[in-house]
Amino acid sequence: MKTILAILPAALLVSGCGSAPPTPHPLAAASASAPARPVASSAATPASPCSTAAATPNRSPDTITRVEVRGQVRMPLEKICALLKTRAGSEIDESVVAGDIRALWGSGYIDDVYVSSEVSPGGRTVSFLIRERPKVRTVSVQGVSAVEPRLVRDGFFKEGDVFDPAVLREVIANVRQSYVARGYRSVDVQFDVQASADNQVDVKVDVKEGPKALIKSIRLQGVSKGKESELLALIETGQGQFNTVGTLYRPDSFERDLLMMSAYYYDRGMLGVQVSPQQATLSEDRTSLALLVEISEGPVYKLAKASCTGDLAGTEAKCLELLGARRGDVFKRSEIMKGMDRIREYQTQSQRGAQLEPQTELDPKKQTVSLKIVIVK
């Protein structure tokens, strides 16, 4: 009697990176008349045993006497067998079989898995019928001129590699990103995969680079208490190589610039400032970019009171003297940090706790902030 253990493709049993959804019942018996979806060429491929066990009288019908693999051509049999936890001599276990299916698919070599179980007078045989992923026969790349063609071509498969669609999509994304980093924000990368003989494929990649886009303008919106010239000076330009008018746009570097703008305002008492992510608008002819940063400055906060507590080396008055901030002062982050450094140095010299935990409490109505310095042993 032959039982269908799993007829779903392995790709449906595993998804995501490093995780799997609930697995369909792999040992559910199919109707005797239900046709099993074949795995390519597996029926014509002789079975290769992974493990066998001698048949013994009165053995449970769930005890496995043979585990075999069909459809294996290129992937070494020993590598396949090493992935399988289903072993001859043990009882069949649906969770173990499901794990074997996930392991085979996760190897990167297997495109599909079909598992069956057959009980005969000699014992139970579990067969893993696999369809291997094709090999790459040829790779061709066309349309590349703005960058060194080799840099694009070398990122793709080599002849003889196992073809993995997920890897191809990742490579395509990397190629696009490489072009965008060079200013070609309209780049379009298309690919075509054609099957050929002997389970091989030909991969064709077509790159349409499009025009190069440079920064046309950088505008800060909402600046009134701060100085626009000082804020623009915080933008890192790589000595004029990027993120300035007439050069390339580097969004990764601009993220750091936004943090610097926030720190600029914190140092001027505007603790509620909001610096929005930069917006990059591509012109209709796709040759230039307009950058916009929206800033909501908020009110200027002043210090309502300051206190020191915890493992003080001296008096609280000494701690506040070292802090240097006084009631009514504009709350300046950089000055507070310098004062905390002085307290930390004093505490260290006195061999007392030098870990400082500042706690702030804002009063939006009064536009004040209370500061407590907690010194921990």
Protein backbone atom coordinates (compact mmCIF):
# COMPACT_ATOMS: atom_id res chain seq x y z
CA MET A 1 0.00 0.00 0.00
CA LYS A 2 1.38 3.38 -1.02
CA THR A 3 0.61 6.51 1.00
CA ILE A 4 1.11 10.08 -0.15
CA LEU A 5 2.99 11.97 2.53
CA ALA A 6 3.34 15.36 0.89
CA ILE A 7 2.38 16.59 -2.54
CA LEU A 8 2.82 20.31 -1.90
CA PRO A 9 5.89 22.01 -3.37
CA ALA A 10 8.51 22.73 -0.76
CA ALA A 11 8.35 26.44 -1.60
CA LEU A 12 4.87 26.49 -0.07
CA LEU A 13 6.11 24.86 3.11
CA VAL A 14 8.83 27.40 3.81
CA SER A 15 8.70 31.16 3.56
CA GLY A 16 10.71 34.13 4.79
CA CYS A 17 14.26 34.09 6.12
CA GLY A 18 14.97 31.61 8.92
CA SER A 19 11.32 30.93 9.70
CA ALA A 20 8.54 28.70 8.44
CA PRO A 21 4.76 28.95 8.56
CA PRO A 22 2.65 26.13 9.97
CA THR A 23 3.33 23.09 7.81
CA PRO A 24 0.45 21.19 6.17
CA HIS A 25 -0.02 17.69 7.55
CA PRO A 26 2.69 15.76 5.64
CA LEU A 27 1.35 12.30 6.48
CA ALA A 28 -2.23 12.91 5.44
CA ALA A 29 -3.26 10.07 3.13
CA ALA A 30 -4.51 11.02 -0.32
CA SER A 31 -7.32 9.28 -2.14
CA ALA A 32 -6.21 6.20 -4.00
CA SER A 33 -7.56 7.70 -7.20
CA ALA A 34 -5.98 11.13 -6.72
CA PRO A 35 -3.08 11.62 -9.13
CA ALA A 36 0.15 12.70 -7.48
CA ARG A 37 1.81 15.77 -9.02
CA PRO A 38 5.00 14.39 -10.55
CA VAL A 39 8.44 15.73 -9.82
CA ALA A 40 10.35 16.13 -13.07
CA SER A 41 12.31 13.06 -14.14
CA SER A 42 12.10 11.45 -10.70
CA ALA A 43 10.17 8.42 -11.87
CA ALA A 44 12.81 7.59 -14.42
CA THR A 45 15.64 8.00 -11.94
CA PRO A 46 16.70 4.90 -10.00
CA ALA A 47 16.19 5.07 -6.26
CA SER A 48 19.27 5.78 -4.15
CA PRO A 49 19.11 4.53 -0.57
CA CYS A 50 19.98 6.81 2.34
CA SER A 51 19.48 4.16 5.01
CA THR A 52 18.11 0.62 5.32
CA ALA A 53 17.24 -1.72 8.15
CA ALA A 54 16.62 -5.46 8.11
CA ALA A 55 12.99 -6.52 8.25
CA THR A 56 12.00 -8.34 11.44
CA PRO A 57 8.83 -10.26 12.38
CA ASN A 58 6.05 -8.47 14.27
CA ARG A 59 7.54 -5.09 13.43
CA SER A 60 5.15 -2.12 13.65
CA PRO A 61 3.81 -1.03 10.25
CA ASP A 62 5.01 2.47 11.13
CA THR A 63 8.62 1.32 11.41
CA ILE A 64 10.77 2.39 8.47
CA THR A 65 13.01 -0.20 6.83
CA ARG A 66 14.24 1.94 3.91
CA VAL A 67 14.69 5.65 3.16
CA GLU A 68 15.44 6.45 -0.47
CA VAL A 69 15.92 9.44 -2.75
CA ARG A 70 14.74 9.77 -6.36
CA GLY A 71 15.42 12.53 -8.85
CA GLN A 72 18.93 13.29 -7.59
CA VAL A 73 21.33 14.07 -10.43
CA ARG A 74 23.84 16.76 -9.48
CA MET A 75 23.49 17.25 -5.74
CA PRO A 76 25.68 14.66 -3.95
CA LEU A 77 23.57 11.89 -2.45
CA GLU A 78 25.50 12.03 0.82
CA LYS A 79 24.63 15.71 1.16
CA ILE A 80 20.94 14.97 0.67
CA CYS A 81 21.01 12.09 3.13
CA ALA A 82 22.78 14.26 5.71
CA LEU A 83 19.83 16.68 5.63
CA LEU A 84 17.27 13.97 6.36
CA LYS A 85 16.29 13.14 9.93
CA THR A 86 13.99 10.36 8.77
CA ARG A 87 16.00 7.16 9.32
CA ALA A 88 15.49 3.47 8.74
CA GLY A 89 14.81 1.65 11.97
CA SER A 90 12.74 4.49 13.46
CA GLU A 91 8.99 4.98 13.34
CA ILE A 92 7.62 7.40 10.79
CA ASP A 93 6.98 10.85 12.27
CA GLU A 94 5.04 13.53 10.45
CA SER A 95 6.92 16.42 12.10
CA VAL A 96 10.28 14.88 11.17
CA VAL A 97 9.20 14.44 7.55
CA ALA A 98 7.99 18.06 7.43
CA GLY A 99 11.35 19.17 8.79
CA ASP A 100 13.11 17.11 6.13
CA ILE A 101 11.10 18.84 3.41
CA ARG A 102 12.07 22.26 4.79
CA ALA A 103 15.74 21.23 5.05
CA LEU A 104 15.84 19.99 1.45
CA TRP A 105 14.23 23.13 0.10
CA GLY A 106 16.45 25.31 2.27
CA SER A 107 19.59 23.69 0.83
CA GLY A 108 19.32 25.92 -2.22
CA TYR A 109 19.63 22.99 -4.61
CA ILE A 110 16.06 21.69 -4.54
CA ASP A 111 13.16 23.24 -6.41
CA ASP A 112 10.44 20.81 -5.36
CA VAL A 113 9.95 17.83 -3.02
CA TYR A 114 7.39 15.01 -3.07
CA VAL A 115 7.33 12.39 -0.34
CA SER A 116 5.61 9.01 -0.43
CA SER A 117 5.44 6.01 1.86
CA GLU A 118 4.84 2.40 0.81
CA VAL A 119 4.21 -0.57 3.07
CA SER A 120 5.13 -4.01 1.78
CA PRO A 121 5.85 -7.38 3.38
CA GLY A 122 9.50 -6.29 3.59
CA GLY A 123 8.64 -3.19 5.62
CA ARG A 124 7.87 0.51 5.11
CA THR A 125 9.78 2.50 2.47
CA VAL A 126 9.83 6.31 2.60
CA SER A 127 10.79 7.94 -0.72
CA PHE A 128 11.86 11.55 -1.16
CA LEU A 129 11.29 12.48 -4.81
CA ILE A 130 13.10 15.71 -5.61
CA ARG A 131 13.37 18.11 -8.51
CA GLU A 132 16.71 19.87 -8.55
CA ARG A 133 17.08 23.50 -9.47
CA PRO A 134 18.52 24.06 -12.93
CA LYS A 135 22.08 25.05 -13.65
CA VAL A 136 23.01 28.28 -15.35
CA ARG A 137 24.27 27.61 -18.87
CA THR A 138 24.89 31.19 -20.05
CA VAL A 139 24.59 34.75 -18.69
CA SER A 140 24.41 37.79 -20.96
CA VAL A 141 24.20 41.46 -19.90
CA GLN A 142 23.46 44.30 -22.29
CA GLY A 143 22.82 48.04 -22.06
CA VAL A 144 25.66 48.82 -19.63
CA SER A 145 27.80 51.87 -20.42
CA ALA A 146 27.74 54.25 -17.43
CA VAL A 147 29.66 51.81 -15.22
CA GLU A 148 32.29 49.22 -15.90
CA PRO A 149 30.35 46.34 -17.53
CA ARG A 150 32.40 43.81 -15.60
CA LEU A 151 31.14 45.25 -12.30
CA VAL A 152 27.58 44.46 -13.37
CA ARG A 153 28.27 41.13 -15.05
CA ASP A 154 30.36 39.77 -12.18
CA GLY A 155 27.48 40.28 -9.78
CA PHE A 156 25.33 37.74 -11.60
CA PHE A 157 25.52 33.98 -11.81
CA LYS A 158 28.49 32.27 -13.33
CA GLU A 159 28.18 29.44 -15.79
CA GLY A 160 27.53 26.23 -13.88
CA ASP A 161 25.97 27.95 -10.84
CA VAL A 162 22.72 26.63 -9.42
CA PHE A 163 19.94 28.96 -10.55
CA ASP A 164 18.07 30.51 -7.63
CA PRO A 165 15.35 33.07 -8.50
CA ALA A 166 15.67 34.70 -5.06
CA VAL A 167 19.40 35.28 -5.63
CA LEU A 168 18.67 36.75 -9.05
CA ARG A 169 16.18 39.23 -7.57
CA GLU A 170 18.71 40.21 -4.90
CA VAL A 171 21.41 40.77 -7.51
CA ILE A 172 19.03 42.86 -9.64
CA ALA A 173 18.26 45.02 -6.58
CA ASN A 174 21.99 45.47 -5.90
CA VAL A 175 22.62 46.51 -9.50
CA ARG A 176 19.82 49.06 -9.32
CA GLN A 177 21.23 50.43 -6.07
CA SER A 178 24.69 50.74 -7.63
CA TYR A 179 23.23 52.84 -10.43
CA VAL A 180 21.18 55.01 -8.07
CA ALA A 181 24.33 55.69 -6.01
CA ARG A 182 25.90 57.01 -9.23
CA GLY A 183 22.94 59.30 -9.93
CA TYR A 184 21.02 57.09 -12.36
CA ARG A 185 17.74 57.13 -10.48
CA SER A 186 15.66 56.09 -13.50
CA VAL A 187 17.58 52.89 -14.15
CA ASP A 188 15.49 49.90 -15.19
CA VAL A 189 16.91 46.38 -14.96
CA GLN A 190 14.96 43.59 -16.62
CA PHE A 191 15.81 39.91 -16.90
CA ASP A 192 14.63 36.93 -18.88
CA VAL A 193 15.27 33.29 -18.00
CA GLN A 194 14.97 30.73 -20.78
CA ALA A 195 14.98 26.99 -20.11
CA SER A 196 17.36 24.90 -22.19
CA ALA A 197 18.24 21.22 -22.43
CA ASP A 198 19.39 19.06 -19.52
CA ASN A 199 17.71 21.18 -16.83
CA GLN A 200 19.74 24.30 -17.60
CA VAL A 201 18.77 27.93 -18.11
CA ASP A 202 20.05 30.94 -20.04
CA VAL A 203 19.86 34.24 -18.13
CA LYS A 204 19.58 37.46 -20.11
CA VAL A 205 19.82 40.85 -18.36
CA ASP A 206 18.86 44.12 -20.05
CA VAL A 207 19.83 47.42 -18.39
CA LYS A 208 18.22 50.71 -19.41
CA GLU A 209 20.34 53.25 -17.56
CA GLY A 210 18.38 56.44 -18.24
CA PRO A 211 19.72 59.95 -17.56
CA LYS A 212 21.89 60.98 -14.64
CA ALA A 213 20.13 63.14 -12.02
CA LEU A 214 22.04 65.73 -9.95
CA ILE A 215 20.85 67.96 -7.11
CA LYS A 216 19.26 71.17 -8.37
CA SER A 217 18.23 72.68 -5.04
CA ILE A 218 18.21 72.07 -1.27
CA ARG A 219 15.50 73.89 0.65
CA LEU A 220 14.79 74.07 4.40
CA GLN A 221 11.20 74.91 5.23
CA GLY A 222 10.01 76.25 8.59
CA VAL A 223 13.25 77.88 9.77
CA SER A 224 12.74 81.08 11.76
CA LYS A 225 14.58 80.86 15.10
CA GLY A 226 17.55 79.00 13.65
CA LYS A 227 19.82 80.21 10.88
CA GLU A 228 19.42 78.48 7.53
CA SER A 229 23.06 79.07 6.59
CA GLU A 230 24.23 77.33 9.79
CA LEU A 231 21.87 74.39 9.21
CA LEU A 232 22.98 73.95 5.59
CA ALA A 233 26.59 74.00 6.79
CA LEU A 234 25.83 70.86 8.83
CA ILE A 235 25.22 68.83 5.66
CA GLU A 236 28.16 66.52 4.94
CA THR A 237 29.21 66.94 1.32
CA GLY A 238 32.37 64.83 1.11
CA GLN A 239 34.36 67.94 0.19
CA GLY A 240 31.79 68.90 -2.41
CA GLN A 241 31.39 65.43 -3.94
CA PHE A 242 27.77 64.84 -2.94
CA ASN A 243 24.68 66.35 -1.21
CA THR A 244 25.24 69.84 -2.54
CA VAL A 245 23.85 71.61 -5.59
CA GLY A 246 25.25 70.15 -8.81
CA THR A 247 26.39 66.87 -7.24
CA LEU A 248 25.02 63.41 -6.49
CA TYR A 249 22.41 62.78 -3.83
CA ARG A 250 23.50 60.43 -1.02
CA PRO A 251 20.40 59.71 1.12
CA ASP A 252 22.35 57.55 3.61
CA SER A 253 24.62 60.49 4.48
CA PHE A 254 21.67 62.87 4.63
CA GLU A 255 20.13 60.80 7.44
CA ARG A 256 23.12 61.74 9.59
CA ASP A 257 22.67 65.39 8.61
CA LEU A 258 19.10 65.39 9.92
CA LEU A 259 20.34 64.22 13.31
CA MET A 260 22.88 67.03 13.33
CA MET A 261 20.10 69.53 12.58
CA SER A 262 18.08 68.18 15.51
CA ALA A 263 21.14 68.51 17.79
CA TYR A 264 21.55 72.10 16.55
CA TYR A 265 18.10 72.96 17.85
CA TYR A 266 18.51 70.99 21.09
CA ASP A 267 21.52 73.17 21.82
CA ARG A 268 19.31 76.25 21.51
CA GLY A 269 16.61 75.09 23.89
CA MET A 270 14.14 73.88 21.23
CA LEU A 271 13.66 70.43 22.71
CA GLY A 272 10.40 69.77 20.84
CA VAL A 273 11.90 70.31 17.40
CA GLN A 274 10.81 67.96 14.63
CA VAL A 275 13.04 67.53 11.60
CA SER A 276 11.16 65.55 8.97
CA PRO A 277 12.89 63.05 6.64
CA GLN A 278 14.18 64.68 3.49
CA GLN A 279 12.00 64.58 0.38
CA ALA A 280 13.69 64.08 -2.98
CA THR A 281 11.59 65.11 -5.99
CA LEU A 282 12.79 64.01 -9.41
CA SER A 283 12.20 66.45 -12.27
CA GLU A 284 9.93 65.51 -15.17
CA ASP A 285 12.89 64.99 -17.48
CA ARG A 286 14.49 62.89 -14.68
CA THR A 287 17.76 64.84 -14.83
CA SER A 288 17.61 66.79 -11.55
CA LEU A 289 16.51 66.49 -7.92
CA ALA A 290 14.95 69.02 -5.56
CA LEU A 291 15.56 68.25 -1.88
CA LEU A 292 13.24 69.54 0.83
CA VAL A 293 13.57 69.29 4.62
CA GLU A 294 10.60 70.42 6.71
CA ILE A 295 11.42 71.68 10.22
CA SER A 296 8.99 72.44 13.04
CA GLU A 297 11.15 74.33 15.53
CA GLY A 298 8.83 74.57 18.55
CA PRO A 299 9.33 76.80 21.60
CA VAL A 300 12.57 77.59 23.42
CA TYR A 301 12.74 75.81 26.77
CA LYS A 302 14.44 77.27 29.82
CA LEU A 303 15.72 75.50 32.92
CA ALA A 304 13.16 75.55 35.72
CA LYS A 305 15.29 73.75 38.28
CA ALA A 306 18.22 71.31 38.56
CA SER A 307 19.07 68.77 41.25
CA CYS A 308 21.68 66.13 41.99
CA THR A 309 21.05 62.93 43.91
CA GLY A 310 22.56 59.51 44.50
CA ASP A 311 26.18 58.62 45.32
CA LEU A 312 27.39 62.21 45.63
CA ALA A 313 31.10 62.77 46.28
CA GLY A 314 30.36 66.14 47.84
CA THR A 315 27.35 68.30 48.48
CA GLU A 316 24.48 68.81 46.04
CA ALA A 317 25.55 72.43 45.80
CA LYS A 318 29.00 71.30 44.60
CA CYS A 319 27.40 69.06 42.01
CA LEU A 320 25.22 71.89 40.70
CA GLU A 321 28.23 74.22 40.63
CA LEU A 322 30.04 71.72 38.42
CA LEU A 323 26.95 71.36 36.24
CA GLY A 324 27.04 75.09 35.57
CA ALA A 325 23.37 75.40 34.57
CA ARG A 326 21.22 77.94 36.42
CA ARG A 327 17.52 78.49 36.71
CA GLY A 328 16.21 80.63 33.88
CA ASP A 329 19.02 79.67 31.47
CA VAL A 330 18.13 78.45 28.00
CA PHE A 331 18.48 74.68 28.11
CA LYS A 332 21.56 73.97 25.99
CA ARG A 333 22.29 70.31 25.49
CA SER A 334 26.01 70.72 24.75
CA GLU A 335 26.54 72.83 27.90
CA ILE A 336 24.68 70.29 30.01
CA MET A 337 26.89 67.51 28.61
CA LYS A 338 30.03 69.50 29.45
CA GLY A 339 28.75 70.02 32.99
CA MET A 340 28.06 66.30 33.37
CA ASP A 341 31.62 65.57 32.25
CA ARG A 342 32.91 67.84 35.01
CA ILE A 343 30.72 66.04 37.57
CA ARG A 344 31.89 62.66 36.32
CA GLU A 345 35.56 63.67 36.60
CA TYR A 346 35.01 64.98 40.15
CA GLN A 347 33.22 61.79 41.17
CA THR A 348 36.01 59.63 39.71
CA GLN A 349 38.71 61.57 41.53
CA SER A 350 36.76 61.11 44.75
CA GLN A 351 36.44 57.37 44.05
CA ARG A 352 32.67 57.57 44.07
CA GLY A 353 30.03 56.56 41.52
CA ALA A 354 30.75 58.00 38.09
CA GLN A 355 27.70 56.77 36.18
CA LEU A 356 25.34 59.69 35.59
CA GLU A 357 21.71 59.22 34.58
CA PRO A 358 20.08 62.52 33.59
CA GLN A 359 16.29 62.74 33.89
CA THR A 360 14.30 65.56 32.33
CA GLU A 361 10.69 66.67 32.76
CA LEU A 362 9.23 69.13 30.28
CA ASP A 363 6.40 71.55 31.01
CA PRO A 364 5.03 72.56 27.59
CA LYS A 365 2.73 75.21 29.07
CA LYS A 366 5.48 77.04 30.92
CA GLN A 367 8.07 76.03 28.30
CA THR A 368 10.45 74.93 31.02
CA VAL A 369 12.43 71.79 31.76
CA SER A 370 13.42 70.29 35.10
CA LEU A 371 16.69 68.35 35.24
CA LYS A 372 17.69 65.72 37.78
CA ILE A 373 21.19 64.17 37.73
CA VAL A 374 21.15 60.72 39.36
CA ILE A 375 24.62 59.43 40.23
CA VAL A 376 24.88 55.64 40.40
CA LYS A 377 27.58 53.68 42.24
